[in-house]
Amino acid sequence: MSTLLQERQQPITAPRLRDRVAAQGAIPRASAGHEAAAAVPCRPVVAPRASWSLILGSIVATLREWRRRSVNRSELARLDERTLRDIGVDPSMVDYEMYQWFWRPPRDWRD
């Protein structure tokens, strides 16, 4: 290892910043896909508008789902204890589900 150090006559130095900048400036970096900043027109970006039928359709679907949840919960609340035992549901689970808001999804009681 000492022989390698002795053979090296010049000290190791990092290239100077000035040398790197001059070397980078010598190579033109013009790509065909890019335009100069002054040539780009100044226009606002316009996002595509969603159609009203799509928006109204999703609102109607949400309202139908909420109504379905409300009806299902009220039907579950009307079942007697014998029927609940037959389907494998505890009455306390029905009480919990009955008092949930309509926008809350129903729990899966099969766990």
N, C-alpha and C. Protein backbone atom coordinates (compact mmCIF):
# COMPACT_ATOMS: atom_id res chain seq x y z
N MET A 1 0.82 -1.18 0.00
CA MET A 1 0.00 0.00 0.00
C MET A 1 0.86 1.25 0.00
N SER A 2 1.96 1.21 0.70
CA SER A 2 2.85 2.38 0.73
C SER A 2 3.46 2.64 -0.63
N THR A 3 3.64 1.59 -1.43
CA THR A 3 4.20 1.79 -2.77
C THR A 3 3.20 2.54 -3.66
N LEU A 4 1.91 2.30 -3.49
CA LEU A 4 0.92 3.01 -4.28
C LEU A 4 0.92 4.50 -3.95
N LEU A 5 1.04 4.82 -2.68
CA LEU A 5 1.08 6.22 -2.28
C LEU A 5 2.34 6.90 -2.78
N GLN A 6 3.42 6.19 -2.80
CA GLN A 6 4.68 6.78 -3.26
C GLN A 6 4.67 7.00 -4.77
N GLU A 7 3.99 6.14 -5.51
CA GLU A 7 3.96 6.29 -6.96
C GLU A 7 3.12 7.50 -7.38
N ARG A 8 2.15 7.85 -6.60
CA ARG A 8 1.30 8.98 -6.95
C ARG A 8 2.07 10.26 -6.66
N GLN A 9 2.29 11.05 -7.66
CA GLN A 9 3.10 12.25 -7.49
C GLN A 9 2.26 13.50 -7.31
N GLN A 10 1.04 13.52 -7.85
CA GLN A 10 0.21 14.70 -7.72
C GLN A 10 -0.86 14.44 -6.65
N PRO A 11 -1.19 15.47 -5.90
CA PRO A 11 -2.24 15.28 -4.89
C PRO A 11 -3.61 15.14 -5.58
N ILE A 12 -4.52 14.46 -4.89
CA ILE A 12 -5.87 14.28 -5.41
C ILE A 12 -6.66 15.54 -5.07
N THR A 13 -7.26 16.15 -6.10
CA THR A 13 -8.06 17.35 -5.88
C THR A 13 -9.38 17.20 -6.61
N ALA A 14 -10.40 17.84 -6.09
CA ALA A 14 -11.70 17.83 -6.73
C ALA A 14 -11.70 18.87 -7.84
N PRO A 15 -12.46 18.64 -8.90
CA PRO A 15 -12.51 19.64 -9.96
C PRO A 15 -13.16 20.92 -9.44
N ARG A 16 -12.69 22.01 -9.94
CA ARG A 16 -13.20 23.29 -9.48
C ARG A 16 -14.57 23.57 -10.11
N LEU A 17 -15.40 24.28 -9.38
CA LEU A 17 -16.73 24.61 -9.84
C LEU A 17 -16.67 25.38 -11.16
N ARG A 18 -15.74 26.26 -11.25
CA ARG A 18 -15.57 27.07 -12.45
C ARG A 18 -15.32 26.18 -13.67
N ASP A 19 -14.54 25.11 -13.50
CA ASP A 19 -14.26 24.20 -14.62
C ASP A 19 -15.50 23.41 -15.01
N ARG A 20 -16.30 22.99 -14.02
CA ARG A 20 -17.50 22.22 -14.33
C ARG A 20 -18.54 23.08 -15.04
N VAL A 21 -18.71 24.33 -14.63
CA VAL A 21 -19.70 25.20 -15.26
C VAL A 21 -19.30 25.50 -16.69
N ALA A 22 -18.03 25.73 -16.95
CA ALA A 22 -17.57 26.01 -18.30
C ALA A 22 -17.78 24.79 -19.19
N ALA A 23 -17.57 23.59 -18.65
CA ALA A 23 -17.74 22.38 -19.45
C ALA A 23 -19.22 22.15 -19.76
N GLN A 24 -20.10 22.45 -18.83
CA GLN A 24 -21.52 22.28 -19.08
C GLN A 24 -22.04 23.30 -20.08
N GLY A 25 -21.52 24.51 -20.03
CA GLY A 25 -21.97 25.55 -20.95
C GLY A 25 -21.54 25.29 -22.38
N ALA A 26 -20.50 24.49 -22.58
CA ALA A 26 -20.01 24.23 -23.92
C ALA A 26 -20.95 23.33 -24.70
N ILE A 27 -21.76 22.50 -24.00
CA ILE A 27 -22.66 21.57 -24.68
C ILE A 27 -24.05 22.20 -24.73
N PRO A 28 -24.57 22.50 -25.91
CA PRO A 28 -25.92 23.08 -25.97
C PRO A 28 -26.96 22.01 -25.62
N ARG A 29 -27.91 22.39 -24.78
CA ARG A 29 -28.95 21.46 -24.35
C ARG A 29 -30.31 21.93 -24.85
N ALA A 30 -30.49 21.92 -26.12
CA ALA A 30 -31.78 22.31 -26.69
C ALA A 30 -32.52 21.05 -27.09
N SER A 31 -33.70 20.88 -26.58
CA SER A 31 -34.47 19.71 -26.97
C SER A 31 -35.61 20.17 -27.86
N ALA A 32 -36.04 19.29 -28.72
CA ALA A 32 -37.09 19.65 -29.68
C ALA A 32 -38.44 19.82 -29.00
N GLY A 33 -38.64 19.20 -27.84
CA GLY A 33 -39.93 19.27 -27.17
C GLY A 33 -40.17 20.53 -26.37
N HIS A 34 -39.14 21.27 -26.06
CA HIS A 34 -39.28 22.45 -25.22
C HIS A 34 -39.15 23.71 -26.05
N GLU A 35 -39.96 24.69 -25.68
CA GLU A 35 -39.88 26.00 -26.32
C GLU A 35 -39.29 26.98 -25.33
N ALA A 36 -38.83 28.06 -25.83
CA ALA A 36 -38.31 29.11 -24.95
C ALA A 36 -39.46 29.69 -24.15
N ALA A 37 -39.18 30.20 -22.99
CA ALA A 37 -40.23 30.71 -22.10
C ALA A 37 -41.00 31.86 -22.74
N ALA A 38 -40.34 32.67 -23.52
CA ALA A 38 -41.01 33.81 -24.15
C ALA A 38 -41.96 33.36 -25.26
N ALA A 39 -41.73 32.19 -25.84
CA ALA A 39 -42.56 31.72 -26.94
C ALA A 39 -43.83 31.02 -26.46
N VAL A 40 -43.91 30.67 -25.18
CA VAL A 40 -45.08 29.97 -24.65
C VAL A 40 -46.16 31.00 -24.36
N PRO A 41 -47.37 30.84 -24.95
CA PRO A 41 -48.43 31.81 -24.68
C PRO A 41 -48.92 31.69 -23.24
N CYS A 42 -49.32 32.79 -22.69
CA CYS A 42 -49.78 32.82 -21.31
C CYS A 42 -51.30 32.64 -21.30
N ARG A 43 -51.74 31.39 -21.15
CA ARG A 43 -53.16 31.07 -21.11
C ARG A 43 -53.46 30.28 -19.84
N PRO A 44 -54.61 30.51 -19.23
CA PRO A 44 -54.96 29.71 -18.05
C PRO A 44 -55.28 28.28 -18.46
N VAL A 45 -54.99 27.36 -17.56
CA VAL A 45 -55.28 25.96 -17.82
C VAL A 45 -56.76 25.72 -17.51
N VAL A 46 -57.45 25.15 -18.45
CA VAL A 46 -58.88 24.90 -18.30
C VAL A 46 -59.09 23.41 -18.05
N ALA A 47 -59.66 23.08 -16.90
CA ALA A 47 -59.94 21.68 -16.58
C ALA A 47 -61.21 21.25 -17.30
N PRO A 48 -61.28 20.00 -17.71
CA PRO A 48 -62.50 19.54 -18.38
C PRO A 48 -63.67 19.54 -17.40
N ARG A 49 -64.81 19.97 -17.88
CA ARG A 49 -65.99 20.02 -17.02
C ARG A 49 -66.68 18.67 -16.98
N ALA A 50 -67.15 18.31 -15.80
CA ALA A 50 -67.93 17.09 -15.68
C ALA A 50 -69.34 17.37 -16.19
N SER A 51 -69.91 16.40 -16.82
CA SER A 51 -71.25 16.62 -17.34
C SER A 51 -72.24 16.60 -16.19
N TRP A 52 -73.31 17.37 -16.34
CA TRP A 52 -74.32 17.47 -15.29
C TRP A 52 -75.01 16.14 -15.07
N SER A 53 -75.17 15.36 -16.12
CA SER A 53 -75.84 14.08 -15.96
C SER A 53 -75.02 13.14 -15.08
N LEU A 54 -73.69 13.21 -15.19
CA LEU A 54 -72.83 12.38 -14.35
C LEU A 54 -72.91 12.81 -12.89
N ILE A 55 -72.91 14.11 -12.66
CA ILE A 55 -73.00 14.63 -11.30
C ILE A 55 -74.35 14.29 -10.68
N LEU A 56 -75.43 14.56 -11.42
CA LEU A 56 -76.77 14.26 -10.90
C LEU A 56 -76.97 12.76 -10.71
N GLY A 57 -76.42 11.97 -11.59
CA GLY A 57 -76.52 10.51 -11.46
C GLY A 57 -75.87 10.01 -10.18
N SER A 58 -74.70 10.56 -9.86
CA SER A 58 -74.03 10.12 -8.63
C SER A 58 -74.78 10.60 -7.39
N ILE A 59 -75.39 11.78 -7.45
CA ILE A 59 -76.18 12.27 -6.31
C ILE A 59 -77.41 11.40 -6.11
N VAL A 60 -78.09 11.05 -7.19
CA VAL A 60 -79.27 10.21 -7.10
C VAL A 60 -78.90 8.82 -6.57
N ALA A 61 -77.79 8.27 -7.03
CA ALA A 61 -77.36 6.96 -6.56
C ALA A 61 -77.06 6.98 -5.06
N THR A 62 -76.44 8.06 -4.60
CA THR A 62 -76.16 8.19 -3.16
C THR A 62 -77.44 8.29 -2.36
N LEU A 63 -78.39 9.08 -2.82
CA LEU A 63 -79.68 9.20 -2.12
C LEU A 63 -80.43 7.88 -2.07
N ARG A 64 -80.38 7.12 -3.16
CA ARG A 64 -81.04 5.80 -3.18
C ARG A 64 -80.38 4.84 -2.20
N GLU A 65 -79.06 4.89 -2.15
CA GLU A 65 -78.34 4.02 -1.20
C GLU A 65 -78.69 4.37 0.23
N TRP A 66 -78.76 5.65 0.56
CA TRP A 66 -79.14 6.08 1.91
C TRP A 66 -80.56 5.64 2.24
N ARG A 67 -81.46 5.75 1.28
CA ARG A 67 -82.85 5.32 1.51
C ARG A 67 -82.91 3.81 1.73
N ARG A 68 -82.15 3.05 0.94
CA ARG A 68 -82.13 1.60 1.09
C ARG A 68 -81.63 1.20 2.47
N ARG A 69 -80.58 1.87 2.96
CA ARG A 69 -80.06 1.59 4.30
C ARG A 69 -81.11 1.87 5.36
N SER A 70 -81.80 2.98 5.22
CA SER A 70 -82.82 3.34 6.20
C SER A 70 -83.95 2.31 6.23
N VAL A 71 -84.41 1.88 5.07
CA VAL A 71 -85.49 0.89 4.98
C VAL A 71 -85.02 -0.45 5.55
N ASN A 72 -83.81 -0.87 5.20
CA ASN A 72 -83.28 -2.14 5.72
C ASN A 72 -83.19 -2.13 7.24
N ARG A 73 -82.76 -1.02 7.80
CA ARG A 73 -82.64 -0.94 9.27
C ARG A 73 -84.00 -0.96 9.94
N SER A 74 -84.98 -0.30 9.34
CA SER A 74 -86.31 -0.31 9.95
C SER A 74 -86.95 -1.70 9.84
N GLU A 75 -86.71 -2.41 8.73
CA GLU A 75 -87.21 -3.78 8.61
C GLU A 75 -86.54 -4.71 9.60
N LEU A 76 -85.25 -4.54 9.82
CA LEU A 76 -84.53 -5.36 10.80
C LEU A 76 -85.06 -5.10 12.21
N ALA A 77 -85.42 -3.87 12.49
CA ALA A 77 -85.94 -3.53 13.82
C ALA A 77 -87.31 -4.16 14.06
N ARG A 78 -88.08 -4.44 13.00
CA ARG A 78 -89.42 -5.00 13.15
C ARG A 78 -89.42 -6.52 13.35
N LEU A 79 -88.28 -7.17 13.16
CA LEU A 79 -88.23 -8.63 13.31
C LEU A 79 -88.32 -9.02 14.78
N ASP A 80 -89.01 -10.13 15.05
CA ASP A 80 -89.11 -10.59 16.44
C ASP A 80 -87.87 -11.41 16.82
N GLU A 81 -87.76 -11.75 18.12
CA GLU A 81 -86.56 -12.42 18.62
C GLU A 81 -86.37 -13.80 18.01
N ARG A 82 -87.46 -14.51 17.79
CA ARG A 82 -87.35 -15.86 17.21
C ARG A 82 -86.76 -15.80 15.80
N THR A 83 -87.22 -14.85 15.01
CA THR A 83 -86.69 -14.70 13.65
C THR A 83 -85.23 -14.28 13.68
N LEU A 84 -84.88 -13.40 14.61
CA LEU A 84 -83.48 -12.96 14.74
C LEU A 84 -82.59 -14.14 15.10
N ARG A 85 -83.07 -15.03 16.01
CA ARG A 85 -82.29 -16.21 16.36
C ARG A 85 -82.12 -17.12 15.16
N ASP A 86 -83.16 -17.23 14.34
CA ASP A 86 -83.09 -18.09 13.15
C ASP A 86 -82.04 -17.60 12.15
N ILE A 87 -81.94 -16.31 12.02
CA ILE A 87 -80.94 -15.78 11.06
C ILE A 87 -79.58 -15.57 11.71
N GLY A 88 -79.48 -15.82 13.03
CA GLY A 88 -78.18 -15.77 13.71
C GLY A 88 -77.75 -14.37 14.12
N VAL A 89 -78.72 -13.52 14.44
CA VAL A 89 -78.40 -12.15 14.83
C VAL A 89 -78.88 -11.92 16.26
N ASP A 90 -78.05 -11.34 17.08
CA ASP A 90 -78.38 -11.03 18.46
C ASP A 90 -79.24 -9.76 18.51
N PRO A 91 -80.25 -9.69 19.40
CA PRO A 91 -81.07 -8.47 19.49
C PRO A 91 -80.27 -7.21 19.82
N SER A 92 -79.16 -7.36 20.54
CA SER A 92 -78.35 -6.17 20.83
C SER A 92 -77.69 -5.62 19.56
N MET A 93 -77.37 -6.52 18.63
CA MET A 93 -76.82 -6.07 17.34
C MET A 93 -77.87 -5.27 16.56
N VAL A 94 -79.11 -5.72 16.65
CA VAL A 94 -80.20 -5.01 15.97
C VAL A 94 -80.39 -3.63 16.58
N ASP A 95 -80.33 -3.55 17.91
CA ASP A 95 -80.46 -2.25 18.57
C ASP A 95 -79.34 -1.30 18.14
N TYR A 96 -78.14 -1.83 18.06
CA TYR A 96 -77.01 -1.00 17.63
C TYR A 96 -77.23 -0.52 16.19
N GLU A 97 -77.59 -1.43 15.32
CA GLU A 97 -77.75 -1.09 13.90
C GLU A 97 -78.93 -0.15 13.69
N MET A 98 -79.97 -0.30 14.48
CA MET A 98 -81.17 0.51 14.32
C MET A 98 -80.90 1.99 14.59
N TYR A 99 -79.98 2.29 15.50
CA TYR A 99 -79.73 3.68 15.88
C TYR A 99 -78.57 4.32 15.11
N GLN A 100 -78.09 3.67 14.06
CA GLN A 100 -77.05 4.26 13.23
C GLN A 100 -77.67 5.25 12.25
N TRP A 101 -76.92 6.26 11.88
CA TRP A 101 -77.40 7.24 10.90
C TRP A 101 -77.48 6.59 9.53
N PHE A 102 -78.32 7.14 8.69
CA PHE A 102 -78.55 6.54 7.37
C PHE A 102 -77.32 6.59 6.48
N TRP A 103 -76.41 7.51 6.70
CA TRP A 103 -75.23 7.59 5.84
C TRP A 103 -74.13 6.64 6.28
N ARG A 104 -74.29 6.01 7.45
CA ARG A 104 -73.29 5.04 7.92
C ARG A 104 -73.54 3.69 7.26
N PRO A 105 -72.50 3.08 6.69
CA PRO A 105 -72.71 1.77 6.08
C PRO A 105 -73.02 0.72 7.15
N PRO A 106 -73.81 -0.29 6.81
CA PRO A 106 -74.11 -1.33 7.80
C PRO A 106 -72.89 -2.18 8.11
N ARG A 107 -72.84 -2.65 9.36
CA ARG A 107 -71.74 -3.52 9.75
C ARG A 107 -71.99 -4.93 9.25
N ASP A 108 -70.90 -5.65 9.05
CA ASP A 108 -71.01 -7.05 8.67
C ASP A 108 -70.98 -7.87 9.95
N TRP A 109 -72.11 -8.44 10.32
CA TRP A 109 -72.25 -9.14 11.60
C TRP A 109 -71.85 -10.60 11.50
N ARG A 110 -71.37 -11.04 10.36
CA ARG A 110 -71.01 -12.45 10.20
C ARG A 110 -69.64 -12.78 10.75
N ASP A 111 -68.93 -11.85 11.31
CA ASP A 111 -67.56 -12.09 11.81
C ASP A 111 -67.53 -13.12 12.91
